[in-house]
Structures are given as C-alpha cells and as structure tokens.
Amino acid sequence: MRSLEAYLRAVGPKALGWYVDQEGDWQELDAEGWAHIWCELRERNGLILKLRDTPSDAGQYDFEYYGKSLDSPLFANNPGAVCAASFWLPPEYLETHGPAHVRELALELADPLPFNSGHASLSFNFLYRPPGFRSLCFRYPGMDVQVLRDIAWNLGTRMRGAYWLTFLGQPVLGELGGVAGLRARLSSPDITVQEMEGARAVITLGTWPEAGDAEQGHELPLYRELARVLEPWLYQAPPTQDSAADEDLRRWERRFLD
C-alpha cells in the first residue's frame, strides 16, 4: 500500500483510471473503485491487482501486484513462488524528470517492500508481440522483457538479471559477502552500490538506463560486469514444449554472459 501510494504521488491520482475486477473485466477507478482497491490490499493476502491508465492498449502507466499466501498448502511444493509487483512509467516521464528523480522514486517504491530482488529498467511494453520482436530483443539487450505473472511462479530468491538499477536482498546479498563483498567484486567507477536498511542494497549502472545496440557495437559493459558477478544466482525460466523458443529465451537470459 505504501509503495502504491508513493507511485500515485509521483504520477498523479488520475494516471491510473481502470482496474480488472474478479471476473476479469475492466472497471473504472472512480471513488468507489479506489475504496475497493484499498480494502482489498488491507484485507487479502492472495490478491491479484491490475491497474492501468487505459483498458484498450498497453498504455503508459500501469501497476500490477501478484500476491500469494505463501504458507498455503497450494505452494508447499513450489518454493519458487513469490509475491511480485511492478510499476510502469512512460519514457517521457524519464526525459522530463531526469534519471536521478526516477532513481529516487524507485528507491521510495522499494523501501517498504521486503524484497529478495528487484530492478528498474527500460522495457518493451506491448499487449501482443509485434513482428520481428525476437530480433529487437537481441539487438537492444538493455531492454527488459517480462511477463510478471509467469515469473512470480518460479523466480524464488534468484535474480532476474543485470539492470540499470538492480535491487538485492537476502539471501543473495549475504552470499555475496554483503555490501562490502559486493563492492569488492565490481571494479568499474561507473557502478555504485548503495546500502539500504534491512540488509538490502541497490546497484546503479551509470547515470541513465541504456538500451544498447548490438548492431552498433553498444554492448553495455557495465551490465556485463554485473551479470558476471550475479551469474551463480541468475534466474533461468523453466523449459516448455517449444524447444526453439526455449533456446532463444536461454540465449536472451545469457545475453550479457556469452
């Protein structure tokens, strides 16, 4: 609730105008709708929330939360299941307010959350994957690709990858030797490590988030350096029945390593 409140203060109360109800239909976020959202957040653990500026396309502002009662028998045999949240901003917000402001907002959003991991990054945003999407992913390695719903079933305490802002909690930060151990493994002066309360930290790669461009030789060396440090703890999506798609995904997951 505190993170969502901070997000709304930053983007304005009218940035999110719609939510998905329990039947899967979009409903307008009027005063009654917001009262329902806050009540749900207060009273339910296993809660799914989808709030957006528009129900008709990918939009610019978006909040998603996949909550789970992790002590439920439903998750007894699935140790990779986690609660997960995402907060979206359009690129115009970054350009208008600057990266320092966006970084501070990300820290404000992360601060109340008992996270194992997290990140802030440029990202593709779509309802349906466009033609040539695979080639775009490999050309611009700094662009994130994620379906939060699916990742939240398998991520566990592992790391999604190396990003402009990479948030580390336990147990990974402890296994790296804490903040001091993490700093000792990173040599570039353009990488900063900031300690956070609760045995957590955030790593910042340069001033601005970067998309990179493999065709132009912009291969994001800072991202590669961090990925090598995090490699033993990186997430690998479970295989599917599509071996070709699995191979592409594995290549993308290791885009800063191979």
Protein backbone atom coordinates (compact mmCIF):
# COMPACT_ATOMS: atom_id res chain seq x y z
CA MET A 1 0.00 0.00 0.00
CA ARG A 2 2.83 2.42 0.87
CA SER A 3 4.57 1.75 -2.43
CA LEU A 4 1.37 2.25 -4.43
CA GLU A 5 0.70 5.49 -2.55
CA ALA A 6 4.23 6.71 -3.39
CA TYR A 7 3.69 5.83 -7.06
CA LEU A 8 0.41 7.76 -7.17
CA ARG A 9 2.05 10.80 -5.57
CA ALA A 10 4.66 10.75 -8.33
CA VAL A 11 2.43 10.18 -11.36
CA GLY A 12 -0.76 11.87 -10.15
CA PRO A 13 -4.01 10.32 -8.91
CA LYS A 14 -5.55 10.27 -12.40
CA ALA A 15 -2.72 8.33 -14.07
CA LEU A 16 -4.44 5.06 -13.17
CA GLY A 17 -8.06 5.09 -14.28
CA TRP A 18 -9.06 1.42 -14.65
CA TYR A 19 -8.78 -1.87 -12.79
CA VAL A 20 -9.58 -5.51 -13.51
CA ASP A 21 -12.38 -6.95 -11.35
CA GLN A 22 -12.67 -10.55 -10.13
CA GLU A 23 -14.46 -11.56 -13.34
CA GLY A 24 -11.59 -10.26 -15.46
CA ASP A 25 -13.46 -7.20 -16.74
CA TRP A 26 -12.12 -3.65 -16.75
CA GLN A 27 -13.87 -1.25 -14.39
CA GLU A 28 -13.40 2.48 -13.99
CA LEU A 29 -11.34 3.58 -10.98
CA ASP A 30 -13.76 6.11 -9.51
CA ALA A 31 -14.00 6.83 -5.77
CA GLU A 32 -15.88 3.57 -5.20
CA GLY A 33 -13.29 1.66 -7.23
CA TRP A 34 -10.39 3.07 -5.21
CA ALA A 35 -12.17 2.26 -1.95
CA HIS A 36 -12.45 -1.32 -3.18
CA ILE A 37 -8.73 -1.44 -4.11
CA TRP A 38 -7.53 -0.16 -0.72
CA CYS A 39 -9.87 -2.53 1.09
CA GLU A 40 -8.54 -5.48 -0.93
CA LEU A 41 -4.94 -4.53 -0.15
CA ARG A 42 -5.66 -4.26 3.56
CA GLU A 43 -7.61 -7.48 3.96
CA ARG A 44 -6.37 -10.03 1.39
CA ASN A 45 -3.01 -11.79 1.06
CA GLY A 46 -3.63 -13.86 -2.06
CA LEU A 47 -4.54 -10.84 -4.15
CA ILE A 48 -4.10 -10.05 -7.85
CA LEU A 49 -4.35 -6.38 -8.84
CA LYS A 50 -4.09 -4.83 -12.29
CA LEU A 51 -4.45 -1.05 -12.53
CA ARG A 52 -3.84 0.89 -15.73
CA ASP A 53 -4.39 4.24 -17.40
CA THR A 54 -6.36 2.68 -20.25
CA PRO A 55 -8.08 -0.68 -20.80
CA SER A 56 -7.69 -0.58 -24.59
CA ASP A 57 -3.92 -0.74 -25.19
CA ALA A 58 -0.57 -1.17 -23.46
CA GLY A 59 -0.79 2.33 -22.02
CA GLN A 60 1.83 4.42 -20.21
CA TYR A 61 1.08 3.92 -16.51
CA ASP A 62 0.48 0.51 -15.02
CA PHE A 63 0.58 -1.19 -11.61
CA GLU A 64 0.42 -4.94 -11.17
CA TYR A 65 0.55 -6.98 -7.99
CA TYR A 66 0.54 -10.75 -7.68
CA GLY A 67 0.12 -11.57 -4.02
CA LYS A 68 0.23 -15.07 -2.62
CA SER A 69 -0.36 -16.64 0.79
CA LEU A 70 2.96 -18.46 0.63
CA ASP A 71 2.21 -20.56 3.73
CA SER A 72 -0.81 -22.05 1.95
CA PRO A 73 -0.65 -25.78 1.07
CA LEU A 74 -1.05 -24.68 -2.55
CA PHE A 75 2.58 -23.53 -2.56
CA ALA A 76 4.09 -26.30 -0.43
CA ASN A 77 5.67 -27.94 -3.47
CA ASN A 78 6.51 -24.73 -5.29
CA PRO A 79 9.35 -22.97 -3.45
CA GLY A 80 9.87 -20.67 -6.44
CA ALA A 81 6.51 -18.90 -6.00
CA VAL A 82 6.80 -15.29 -4.81
CA CYS A 83 4.72 -12.17 -4.41
CA ALA A 84 5.61 -9.63 -7.08
CA ALA A 85 4.75 -6.05 -8.02
CA SER A 86 5.57 -3.79 -10.97
CA PHE A 87 5.26 -0.04 -11.54
CA TRP A 88 5.42 1.35 -15.09
CA LEU A 89 6.44 4.82 -16.28
CA PRO A 90 6.50 6.11 -19.88
CA PRO A 91 9.85 7.22 -21.36
CA GLU A 92 8.54 10.80 -21.40
CA TYR A 93 8.49 10.72 -17.59
CA LEU A 94 12.19 9.82 -17.55
CA GLU A 95 13.01 12.50 -20.12
CA THR A 96 11.03 15.19 -18.29
CA HIS A 97 12.13 14.48 -14.72
CA GLY A 98 15.58 13.00 -15.35
CA PRO A 99 17.20 9.77 -14.21
CA ALA A 100 18.07 10.99 -10.71
CA HIS A 101 14.39 11.61 -9.97
CA VAL A 102 13.37 8.22 -11.37
CA ARG A 103 16.08 6.52 -9.32
CA GLU A 104 14.85 8.20 -6.13
CA LEU A 105 11.29 7.17 -6.96
CA ALA A 106 12.42 3.56 -7.47
CA LEU A 107 14.11 3.64 -4.07
CA GLU A 108 10.95 5.06 -2.49
CA LEU A 109 8.86 2.30 -4.07
CA ALA A 110 11.29 -0.40 -2.98
CA ASP A 111 11.85 0.83 0.58
CA PRO A 112 8.66 -0.60 2.21
CA LEU A 113 8.90 -3.93 0.38
CA PRO A 114 10.61 -6.97 1.98
CA PHE A 115 12.16 -7.87 -1.36
CA ASN A 116 14.58 -10.63 -2.30
CA SER A 117 15.29 -8.92 -5.61
CA GLY A 118 14.05 -6.23 -7.95
CA HIS A 119 15.08 -3.95 -10.78
CA ALA A 120 14.34 -0.79 -12.75
CA SER A 121 14.96 -0.83 -16.48
CA LEU A 122 13.90 0.28 -19.90
CA SER A 123 11.41 -2.30 -21.11
CA PHE A 124 9.34 -3.33 -24.08
CA ASN A 125 5.66 -2.67 -23.39
CA PHE A 126 3.06 -4.41 -25.52
CA LEU A 127 -0.24 -6.25 -25.48
CA TYR A 128 0.75 -8.53 -28.36
CA ARG A 129 4.29 -9.22 -29.53
CA PRO A 130 4.98 -7.37 -32.80
CA PRO A 131 6.59 -8.93 -35.90
CA GLY A 132 10.36 -9.10 -35.55
CA PHE A 133 10.18 -8.95 -31.77
CA ARG A 134 12.86 -11.62 -31.32
CA SER A 135 15.40 -9.63 -33.33
CA LEU A 136 14.58 -6.47 -31.34
CA CYS A 137 15.30 -8.29 -28.08
CA PHE A 138 18.74 -9.39 -29.24
CA ARG A 139 19.58 -6.05 -30.84
CA TYR A 140 18.71 -3.99 -27.73
CA PRO A 141 19.99 -6.07 -24.77
CA GLY A 142 19.25 -3.38 -22.19
CA MET A 143 15.51 -3.62 -22.86
CA ASP A 144 13.69 -5.83 -20.39
CA VAL A 145 11.12 -8.42 -21.44
CA GLN A 146 8.90 -9.82 -18.75
CA VAL A 147 5.52 -11.33 -18.00
CA LEU A 148 5.27 -10.69 -14.28
CA ARG A 149 2.52 -13.25 -13.74
CA ASP A 150 4.67 -16.10 -15.06
CA ILE A 151 7.91 -15.01 -13.39
CA ALA A 152 6.20 -14.78 -9.99
CA TRP A 153 5.54 -18.53 -10.07
CA ASN A 154 9.18 -19.51 -10.45
CA LEU A 155 11.60 -16.71 -9.50
CA GLY A 156 12.15 -17.62 -5.86
CA THR A 157 15.16 -15.83 -4.37
CA ARG A 158 17.11 -15.72 -7.63
CA MET A 159 17.96 -12.60 -9.65
CA ARG A 160 16.29 -11.70 -12.94
CA GLY A 161 19.49 -10.24 -14.35
CA ALA A 162 21.65 -7.12 -14.55
CA TYR A 163 19.73 -3.86 -14.97
CA TRP A 164 20.20 -0.11 -14.65
CA LEU A 165 19.00 -0.43 -11.03
CA THR A 166 19.35 -3.88 -9.51
CA PHE A 167 17.96 -4.38 -6.01
CA LEU A 168 19.46 -7.17 -3.91
CA GLY A 169 18.03 -8.60 -0.71
CA GLN A 170 18.62 -11.85 1.10
CA PRO A 171 19.90 -14.45 0.63
CA VAL A 172 21.88 -13.33 -2.45
CA LEU A 173 23.39 -10.21 -0.89
CA GLY A 174 24.57 -12.23 2.12
CA GLU A 175 26.08 -14.91 -0.11
CA LEU A 176 27.99 -12.18 -1.97
CA GLY A 177 29.52 -11.06 1.32
CA GLY A 178 27.17 -8.16 1.98
CA VAL A 179 27.63 -4.67 0.59
CA ALA A 180 31.39 -4.72 1.19
CA GLY A 181 31.79 -8.04 -0.60
CA LEU A 182 29.65 -6.86 -3.50
CA ARG A 183 31.66 -3.64 -3.91
CA ALA A 184 34.89 -5.62 -3.93
CA ARG A 185 33.67 -7.66 -6.90
CA LEU A 186 32.74 -4.62 -9.04
CA SER A 187 35.66 -2.64 -10.45
CA SER A 188 34.09 0.00 -12.73
CA PRO A 189 33.91 3.52 -11.23
CA ASP A 190 30.57 3.98 -13.04
CA ILE A 191 28.93 1.28 -10.93
CA THR A 192 27.70 2.35 -7.49
CA VAL A 193 26.44 0.20 -4.63
CA GLN A 194 24.17 1.83 -2.05
CA GLU A 195 23.27 0.09 1.18
CA MET A 196 19.62 0.02 2.21
CA GLU A 197 18.02 -0.77 5.55
CA GLY A 198 17.16 -4.37 6.26
CA ALA A 199 20.31 -5.98 4.80
CA ARG A 200 19.47 -4.83 1.27
CA ALA A 201 21.27 -2.86 -1.43
CA VAL A 202 20.78 -1.23 -4.83
CA ILE A 203 23.35 -1.28 -7.65
CA THR A 204 23.29 1.56 -10.20
CA LEU A 205 24.90 1.17 -13.63
CA GLY A 206 25.80 4.60 -14.95
CA THR A 207 23.65 7.72 -14.94
CA TRP A 208 20.94 6.76 -17.43
CA PRO A 209 19.29 3.44 -18.27
CA GLU A 210 20.56 2.22 -21.63
CA ALA A 211 19.02 0.04 -24.32
CA GLY A 212 22.33 -0.80 -26.00
CA ASP A 213 22.55 -1.71 -29.68
CA ALA A 214 24.31 -4.90 -30.73
CA GLU A 215 24.35 -3.81 -34.38
CA GLN A 216 26.23 -0.62 -33.45
CA GLY A 217 28.59 -2.33 -31.02
CA HIS A 218 26.96 -0.81 -27.91
CA GLU A 219 27.12 -3.93 -25.77
CA LEU A 220 26.73 -2.35 -22.31
CA PRO A 221 29.96 -3.29 -20.50
CA LEU A 222 28.64 -2.22 -17.09
CA TYR A 223 25.71 -4.61 -17.45
CA ARG A 224 28.10 -7.38 -18.48
CA GLU A 225 30.31 -6.78 -15.45
CA LEU A 226 27.36 -7.03 -13.06
CA ALA A 227 25.93 -10.08 -14.84
CA ARG A 228 29.22 -11.95 -14.35
CA VAL A 229 29.10 -11.22 -10.62
CA LEU A 230 25.47 -12.35 -10.34
CA GLU A 231 25.76 -15.37 -12.65
CA PRO A 232 25.54 -18.09 -9.94
CA TRP A 233 22.25 -16.61 -8.73
CA LEU A 234 20.58 -15.75 -12.05
CA TYR A 235 17.08 -16.95 -12.83
CA GLN A 236 16.50 -19.43 -15.63
CA ALA A 237 12.97 -19.88 -16.91
CA PRO A 238 11.65 -23.46 -16.78
CA PRO A 239 11.56 -25.30 -20.12
CA THR A 240 8.42 -25.54 -22.22
CA GLN A 241 7.38 -27.84 -25.04
CA ASP A 242 8.77 -25.41 -27.62
CA SER A 243 12.48 -26.22 -27.80
CA ALA A 244 13.26 -23.47 -30.34
CA ALA A 245 11.61 -20.82 -28.16
CA ASP A 246 13.40 -22.19 -25.10
CA GLU A 247 16.75 -21.89 -26.87
CA ASP A 248 16.05 -18.27 -27.81
CA LEU A 249 14.99 -17.47 -24.26
CA ARG A 250 18.13 -19.08 -22.84
CA ARG A 251 20.27 -17.00 -25.21
CA TRP A 252 18.44 -13.85 -24.12
CA GLU A 253 18.83 -14.69 -20.43
CA ARG A 254 22.59 -15.05 -21.02
CA ARG A 255 22.91 -12.07 -23.36
CA PHE A 256 25.44 -10.35 -21.06
CA LEU A 257 27.41 -13.54 -20.38
CA ASP A 258 28.05 -15.31 -23.69
